[in-house]
């Protein structure tokens, strides 16, 4: 069985792991109504439109 001859330093170990720790930004799409960036497949937080229809929040359920 192969055994390392020397202990791997923290710098060597962490630099090997570093490329896997990069975070990717979420993809953004443009709202066709207000032309603001928004997350895809979600209601636009700016104009409350989704798929060409206005989505109205039901405030009666909160009361």
PDB file of N, CA and C in Angstrom:
ATOM      1  N   UNK A   1       0.844  -1.178   0.000  1.00  0.00           N
ATOM      2  CA  UNK A   1       0.000   0.000   0.000  1.00  0.00           C
ATOM      3  C   UNK A   1       0.888   1.240   0.000  1.00  0.00           C
ATOM      4  N   UNK A   2       0.573   2.219  -0.851  1.00  0.00           N
ATOM      5  CA  UNK A   2       1.370   3.435  -0.942  1.00  0.00           C
ATOM      6  C   UNK A   2       1.080   4.344   0.241  1.00  0.00           C
ATOM      7  N   UNK A   3       2.170   4.855   0.838  1.00  0.00           N
ATOM      8  CA  UNK A   3       2.065   5.748   1.980  1.00  0.00           C
ATOM      9  C   UNK A   3       2.857   7.011   1.659  1.00  0.00           C
ATOM     10  N   UNK A   4       2.301   8.220   1.918  1.00  0.00           N
ATOM     11  CA  UNK A   4       3.052   9.429   1.631  1.00  0.00           C
ATOM     12  C   UNK A   4       4.315   9.516   2.480  1.00  0.00           C
ATOM     13  N   UNK A   5       5.390   9.979   1.862  1.00  0.00           N
ATOM     14  CA  UNK A   5       6.665  10.094   2.571  1.00  0.00           C
ATOM     15  C   UNK A   5       6.690  11.319   3.476  1.00  0.00           C
ATOM     16  N   UNK A   6       6.003  12.389   3.062  1.00  0.00           N
ATOM     17  CA  UNK A   6       5.964  13.630   3.841  1.00  0.00           C
ATOM     18  C   UNK A   6       4.505  14.077   4.011  1.00  0.00           C
ATOM     19  N   UNK A   7       4.269  14.816   5.084  1.00  0.00           N
ATOM     20  CA  UNK A   7       2.940  15.384   5.317  1.00  0.00           C
ATOM     21  C   UNK A   7       2.671  16.465   4.271  1.00  0.00           C
ATOM     22  N   UNK A   8       1.471  16.476   3.703  1.00  0.00           N
ATOM     23  CA  UNK A   8       1.091  17.509   2.742  1.00  0.00           C
ATOM     24  C   UNK A   8       0.827  18.802   3.504  1.00  0.00           C
ATOM     25  N   UNK A   9       1.478  19.887   3.099  1.00  0.00           N
ATOM     26  CA  UNK A   9       1.325  21.166   3.795  1.00  0.00           C
ATOM     27  C   UNK A   9      -0.091  21.719   3.582  1.00  0.00           C
ATOM     28  N   UNK A  10      -0.489  22.620   4.475  1.00  0.00           N
ATOM     29  CA  UNK A  10      -1.815  23.233   4.369  1.00  0.00           C
ATOM     30  C   UNK A  10      -1.947  24.035   3.080  1.00  0.00           C
ATOM     31  N   UNK A  11      -0.873  24.711   2.681  1.00  0.00           N
ATOM     32  CA  UNK A  11      -0.915  25.516   1.456  1.00  0.00           C
ATOM     33  C   UNK A  11      -1.116  24.625   0.232  1.00  0.00           C
ATOM     34  N   UNK A  12      -0.408  23.518   0.180  1.00  0.00           N
ATOM     35  CA  UNK A  12      -0.527  22.584  -0.951  1.00  0.00           C
ATOM     36  C   UNK A  12      -1.930  21.977  -0.985  1.00  0.00           C
ATOM     37  N   UNK A  13      -2.414  21.563   0.175  1.00  0.00           N
ATOM     38  CA  UNK A  13      -3.746  20.960   0.271  1.00  0.00           C
ATOM     39  C   UNK A  13      -4.836  21.963  -0.111  1.00  0.00           C
ATOM     40  N   UNK A  14      -4.749  23.193   0.411  1.00  0.00           N
ATOM     41  CA  UNK A  14      -5.789  24.188   0.160  1.00  0.00           C
ATOM     42  C   UNK A  14      -5.762  24.707  -1.269  1.00  0.00           C
ATOM     43  N   UNK A  15      -4.577  24.808  -1.867  1.00  0.00           N
ATOM     44  CA  UNK A  15      -4.520  25.261  -3.259  1.00  0.00           C
ATOM     45  C   UNK A  15      -5.081  24.204  -4.205  1.00  0.00           C
ATOM     46  N   UNK A  16      -5.009  22.956  -3.823  1.00  0.00           N
ATOM     47  CA  UNK A  16      -5.606  21.891  -4.630  1.00  0.00           C
ATOM     48  C   UNK A  16      -7.124  21.940  -4.523  1.00  0.00           C
ATOM     49  N   UNK A  17      -7.636  22.302  -3.364  1.00  0.00           N
ATOM     50  CA  UNK A  17      -9.085  22.349  -3.151  1.00  0.00           C
ATOM     51  C   UNK A  17      -9.716  23.644  -3.659  1.00  0.00           C
ATOM     52  N   UNK A  18      -8.944  24.689  -3.838  1.00  0.00           N
ATOM     53  CA  UNK A  18      -9.466  26.015  -4.154  1.00  0.00           C
ATOM     54  C   UNK A  18     -10.330  26.076  -5.416  1.00  0.00           C
ATOM     55  N   UNK A  19      -9.958  25.444  -6.551  1.00  0.00           N
ATOM     56  CA  UNK A  19     -10.797  25.578  -7.746  1.00  0.00           C
ATOM     57  C   UNK A  19     -12.197  25.020  -7.575  1.00  0.00           C
ATOM     58  N   UNK A  20     -12.390  24.104  -6.646  1.00  0.00           N
ATOM     59  CA  UNK A  20     -13.710  23.512  -6.430  1.00  0.00           C
ATOM     60  C   UNK A  20     -14.587  24.371  -5.530  1.00  0.00           C
ATOM     61  N   UNK A  21     -14.027  25.419  -4.943  1.00  0.00           N
ATOM     62  CA  UNK A  21     -14.773  26.244  -4.007  1.00  0.00           C
ATOM     63  C   UNK A  21     -15.351  27.496  -4.656  1.00  0.00           C
ATOM     64  N   UNK A  22     -15.179  27.667  -5.963  1.00  0.00           N
ATOM     65  CA  UNK A  22     -15.691  28.853  -6.635  1.00  0.00           C
ATOM     66  C   UNK A  22     -17.215  28.794  -6.687  1.00  0.00           C
ATOM     67  N   UNK A  23     -17.838  29.920  -6.405  1.00  0.00           N
ATOM     68  CA  UNK A  23     -19.291  30.017  -6.448  1.00  0.00           C
ATOM     69  C   UNK A  23     -19.713  30.605  -7.784  1.00  0.00           C
ATOM     70  N   UNK A  24     -20.727  30.042  -8.377  1.00  0.00           N
ATOM     71  CA  UNK A  24     -21.233  30.547  -9.650  1.00  0.00           C
ATOM     72  C   UNK A  24     -22.422  31.477  -9.386  1.00  0.00           C
ATOM     73  N   UNK A  25     -22.494  32.568 -10.129  1.00  0.00           N
ATOM     74  CA  UNK A  25     -23.615  33.475 -10.011  1.00  0.00           C
ATOM     75  C   UNK A  25     -24.846  32.872 -10.689  1.00  0.00           C
ATOM     76  N   UNK A  26     -26.029  33.123 -10.150  1.00  0.00           N
ATOM     77  CA  UNK A  26     -27.224  32.599 -10.807  1.00  0.00           C
ATOM     78  C   UNK A  26     -27.446  33.295 -12.147  1.00  0.00           C
ATOM     79  N   UNK A  27     -27.956  32.572 -13.115  1.00  0.00           N
ATOM     80  CA  UNK A  27     -28.247  33.154 -14.417  1.00  0.00           C
ATOM     81  C   UNK A  27     -29.399  34.120 -14.311  1.00  0.00           C
ATOM     82  N   UNK A  28     -29.280  35.253 -14.972  1.00  0.00           N
ATOM     83  CA  UNK A  28     -30.340  36.254 -14.943  1.00  0.00           C
ATOM     84  C   UNK A  28     -30.983  36.353 -16.313  1.00  0.00           C
ATOM     85  N   UNK A  29     -32.266  36.628 -16.317  1.00  0.00           N
ATOM     86  CA  UNK A  29     -32.970  36.888 -17.566  1.00  0.00           C
ATOM     87  C   UNK A  29     -33.591  38.281 -17.466  1.00  0.00           C
ATOM     88  N   UNK A  30     -34.068  38.787 -18.574  1.00  0.00           N
ATOM     89  CA  UNK A  30     -34.661  40.125 -18.622  1.00  0.00           C
ATOM     90  C   UNK A  30     -36.180  39.992 -18.652  1.00  0.00           C
ATOM     91  N   UNK A  31     -36.826  40.743 -17.798  1.00  0.00           N
ATOM     92  CA  UNK A  31     -38.293  40.740 -17.750  1.00  0.00           C
ATOM     93  C   UNK A  31     -38.829  41.393 -19.029  1.00  0.00           C
ATOM     94  N   UNK A  32     -39.742  40.740 -19.742  1.00  0.00           N
ATOM     95  CA  UNK A  32     -40.271  41.331 -20.978  1.00  0.00           C
ATOM     96  C   UNK A  32     -41.180  42.538 -20.734  1.00  0.00           C
ATOM     97  N   UNK A  33     -41.689  42.695 -19.509  1.00  0.00           N
ATOM     98  CA  UNK A  33     -42.584  43.821 -19.216  1.00  0.00           C
ATOM     99  C   UNK A  33     -41.812  45.090 -18.855  1.00  0.00           C
ATOM    100  N   UNK A  34     -40.925  44.987 -17.845  1.00  0.00           N
ATOM    101  CA  UNK A  34     -40.241  46.190 -17.339  1.00  0.00           C
ATOM    102  C   UNK A  34     -38.765  46.228 -17.730  1.00  0.00           C
ATOM    103  N   UNK A  35     -38.266  45.183 -18.366  1.00  0.00           N
ATOM    104  CA  UNK A  35     -36.889  45.107 -18.860  1.00  0.00           C
ATOM    105  C   UNK A  35     -35.848  45.207 -17.745  1.00  0.00           C
ATOM    106  N   UNK A  36     -36.186  44.724 -16.565  1.00  0.00           N
ATOM    107  CA  UNK A  36     -35.254  44.655 -15.446  1.00  0.00           C
ATOM    108  C   UNK A  36     -34.744  43.217 -15.323  1.00  0.00           C
ATOM    109  N   UNK A  37     -33.535  43.016 -14.812  1.00  0.00           N
ATOM    110  CA  UNK A  37     -33.051  41.644 -14.626  1.00  0.00           C
ATOM    111  C   UNK A  37     -33.827  40.929 -13.521  1.00  0.00           C
ATOM    112  N   UNK A  38     -34.080  39.645 -13.735  1.00  0.00           N
ATOM    113  CA  UNK A  38     -34.788  38.829 -12.750  1.00  0.00           C
ATOM    114  C   UNK A  38     -34.309  37.396 -12.862  1.00  0.00           C
ATOM    115  N   UNK A  39     -34.591  36.603 -11.864  1.00  0.00           N
ATOM    116  CA  UNK A  39     -34.252  35.187 -11.912  1.00  0.00           C
ATOM    117  C   UNK A  39     -35.216  34.481 -12.861  1.00  0.00           C
ATOM    118  N   UNK A  40     -34.722  33.524 -13.650  1.00  0.00           N
ATOM    119  CA  UNK A  40     -35.622  32.845 -14.585  1.00  0.00           C
ATOM    120  C   UNK A  40     -36.651  31.975 -13.860  1.00  0.00           C
ATOM    121  N   UNK A  41     -37.810  31.831 -14.451  1.00  0.00           N
ATOM    122  CA  UNK A  41     -38.913  31.009 -13.947  1.00  0.00           C
ATOM    123  C   UNK A  41     -39.438  31.500 -12.605  1.00  0.00           C
ATOM    124  N   UNK A  42     -39.364  32.817 -12.388  1.00  0.00           N
ATOM    125  CA  UNK A  42     -39.878  33.407 -11.163  1.00  0.00           C
ATOM    126  C   UNK A  42     -40.614  34.697 -11.497  1.00  0.00           C
ATOM    127  N   UNK A  43     -41.518  35.112 -10.602  1.00  0.00           N
ATOM    128  CA  UNK A  43     -42.253  36.361 -10.780  1.00  0.00           C
ATOM    129  C   UNK A  43     -41.259  37.513 -10.670  1.00  0.00           C
ATOM    130  N   UNK A  44     -41.402  38.478 -11.540  1.00  0.00           N
ATOM    131  CA  UNK A  44     -40.520  39.651 -11.514  1.00  0.00           C
ATOM    132  C   UNK A  44     -40.794  40.436 -10.235  1.00  0.00           C
ATOM    133  N   UNK A  45     -39.762  40.707  -9.422  1.00  0.00           N
ATOM    134  CA  UNK A  45     -40.003  41.456  -8.183  1.00  0.00           C
ATOM    135  C   UNK A  45     -40.322  42.925  -8.434  1.00  0.00           C
ATOM    136  N   UNK A  46     -40.065  43.392  -9.634  1.00  0.00           N
ATOM    137  CA  UNK A  46     -40.276  44.797  -9.953  1.00  0.00           C
ATOM    138  C   UNK A  46     -41.717  45.083 -10.375  1.00  0.00           C
ATOM    139  N   UNK A  47     -42.254  44.272 -11.300  1.00  0.00           N
ATOM    140  CA  UNK A  47     -43.587  44.562 -11.859  1.00  0.00           C
ATOM    141  C   UNK A  47     -44.621  43.471 -11.559  1.00  0.00           C
ATOM    142  N   UNK A  48     -44.240  42.392 -10.891  1.00  0.00           N
ATOM    143  CA  UNK A  48     -45.143  41.286 -10.516  1.00  0.00           C
ATOM    144  C   UNK A  48     -45.769  40.590 -11.720  1.00  0.00           C
ATOM    145  N   UNK A  49     -45.032  40.499 -12.821  1.00  0.00           N
ATOM    146  CA  UNK A  49     -45.513  39.779 -14.001  1.00  0.00           C
ATOM    147  C   UNK A  49     -44.783  38.451 -14.122  1.00  0.00           C
ATOM    148  N   UNK A  50     -45.486  37.432 -14.612  1.00  0.00           N
ATOM    149  CA  UNK A  50     -44.882  36.138 -14.927  1.00  0.00           C
ATOM    150  C   UNK A  50     -45.631  35.567 -16.118  1.00  0.00           C
ATOM    151  N   UNK A  51     -44.913  35.197 -17.155  1.00  0.00           N
ATOM    152  CA  UNK A  51     -45.490  34.589 -18.355  1.00  0.00           C
ATOM    153  C   UNK A  51     -46.551  35.496 -18.991  1.00  0.00           C
ATOM    154  N   UNK A  52     -46.304  36.808 -18.968  1.00  0.00           N
ATOM    155  CA  UNK A  52     -47.207  37.760 -19.601  1.00  0.00           C
ATOM    156  C   UNK A  52     -48.449  38.070 -18.793  1.00  0.00           C
ATOM    157  N   UNK A  53     -48.569  37.529 -17.573  1.00  0.00           N
ATOM    158  CA  UNK A  53     -49.748  37.776 -16.746  1.00  0.00           C
ATOM    159  C   UNK A  53     -49.321  38.438 -15.443  1.00  0.00           C
ATOM    160  N   UNK A  54     -50.151  39.346 -14.937  1.00  0.00           N
ATOM    161  CA  UNK A  54     -49.841  39.982 -13.673  1.00  0.00           C
ATOM    162  C   UNK A  54     -50.247  39.054 -12.531  1.00  0.00           C
ATOM    163  N   UNK A  55     -49.330  38.844 -11.616  1.00  0.00           N
ATOM    164  CA  UNK A  55     -49.574  37.975 -10.476  1.00  0.00           C
ATOM    165  C   UNK A  55     -49.887  38.876  -9.285  1.00  0.00           C
ATOM    166  N   UNK A  56     -51.079  38.702  -8.706  1.00  0.00           N
ATOM    167  CA  UNK A  56     -51.507  39.532  -7.598  1.00  0.00           C
ATOM    168  C   UNK A  56     -51.372  38.705  -6.322  1.00  0.00           C
ATOM    169  N   UNK A  57     -50.676  39.269  -5.318  1.00  0.00           N
ATOM    170  CA  UNK A  57     -50.510  38.571  -4.044  1.00  0.00           C
ATOM    171  C   UNK A  57     -51.852  38.591  -3.292  1.00  0.00           C
ATOM    172  N   UNK A  58     -52.199  37.466  -2.663  1.00  0.00           N
ATOM    173  CA  UNK A  58     -53.441  37.333  -1.914  1.00  0.00           C
ATOM    174  C   UNK A  58     -53.175  37.774  -0.484  1.00  0.00           C
ATOM    175  N   UNK A  59     -53.570  39.015  -0.139  1.00  0.00           N
ATOM    176  CA  UNK A  59     -53.338  39.534   1.203  1.00  0.00           C
ATOM    177  C   UNK A  59     -54.374  39.035   2.194  1.00  0.00           C
ATOM    178  N   UNK A  60     -55.479  38.477   1.744  1.00  0.00           N
ATOM    179  CA  UNK A  60     -56.523  37.971   2.648  1.00  0.00           C
ATOM    180  C   UNK A  60     -56.012  36.758   3.423  1.00  0.00           C
ATOM    181  N   UNK A  61     -55.099  35.983   2.842  1.00  0.00           N
ATOM    182  CA  UNK A  61     -54.588  34.791   3.527  1.00  0.00           C
ATOM    183  C   UNK A  61     -53.676  35.173   4.691  1.00  0.00           C
ATOM    184  N   UNK A  62     -53.022  36.342   4.604  1.00  0.00           N
ATOM    185  CA  UNK A  62     -52.114  36.763   5.664  1.00  0.00           C
ATOM    186  C   UNK A  62     -52.860  37.266   6.895  1.00  0.00           C
ATOM    187  N   UNK A  63     -54.059  37.825   6.730  1.00  0.00           N
ATOM    188  CA  UNK A  63     -54.802  38.414   7.842  1.00  0.00           C
ATOM    189  C   UNK A  63     -55.428  37.379   8.748  1.00  0.00           C
TER     190      UNK A  63
END
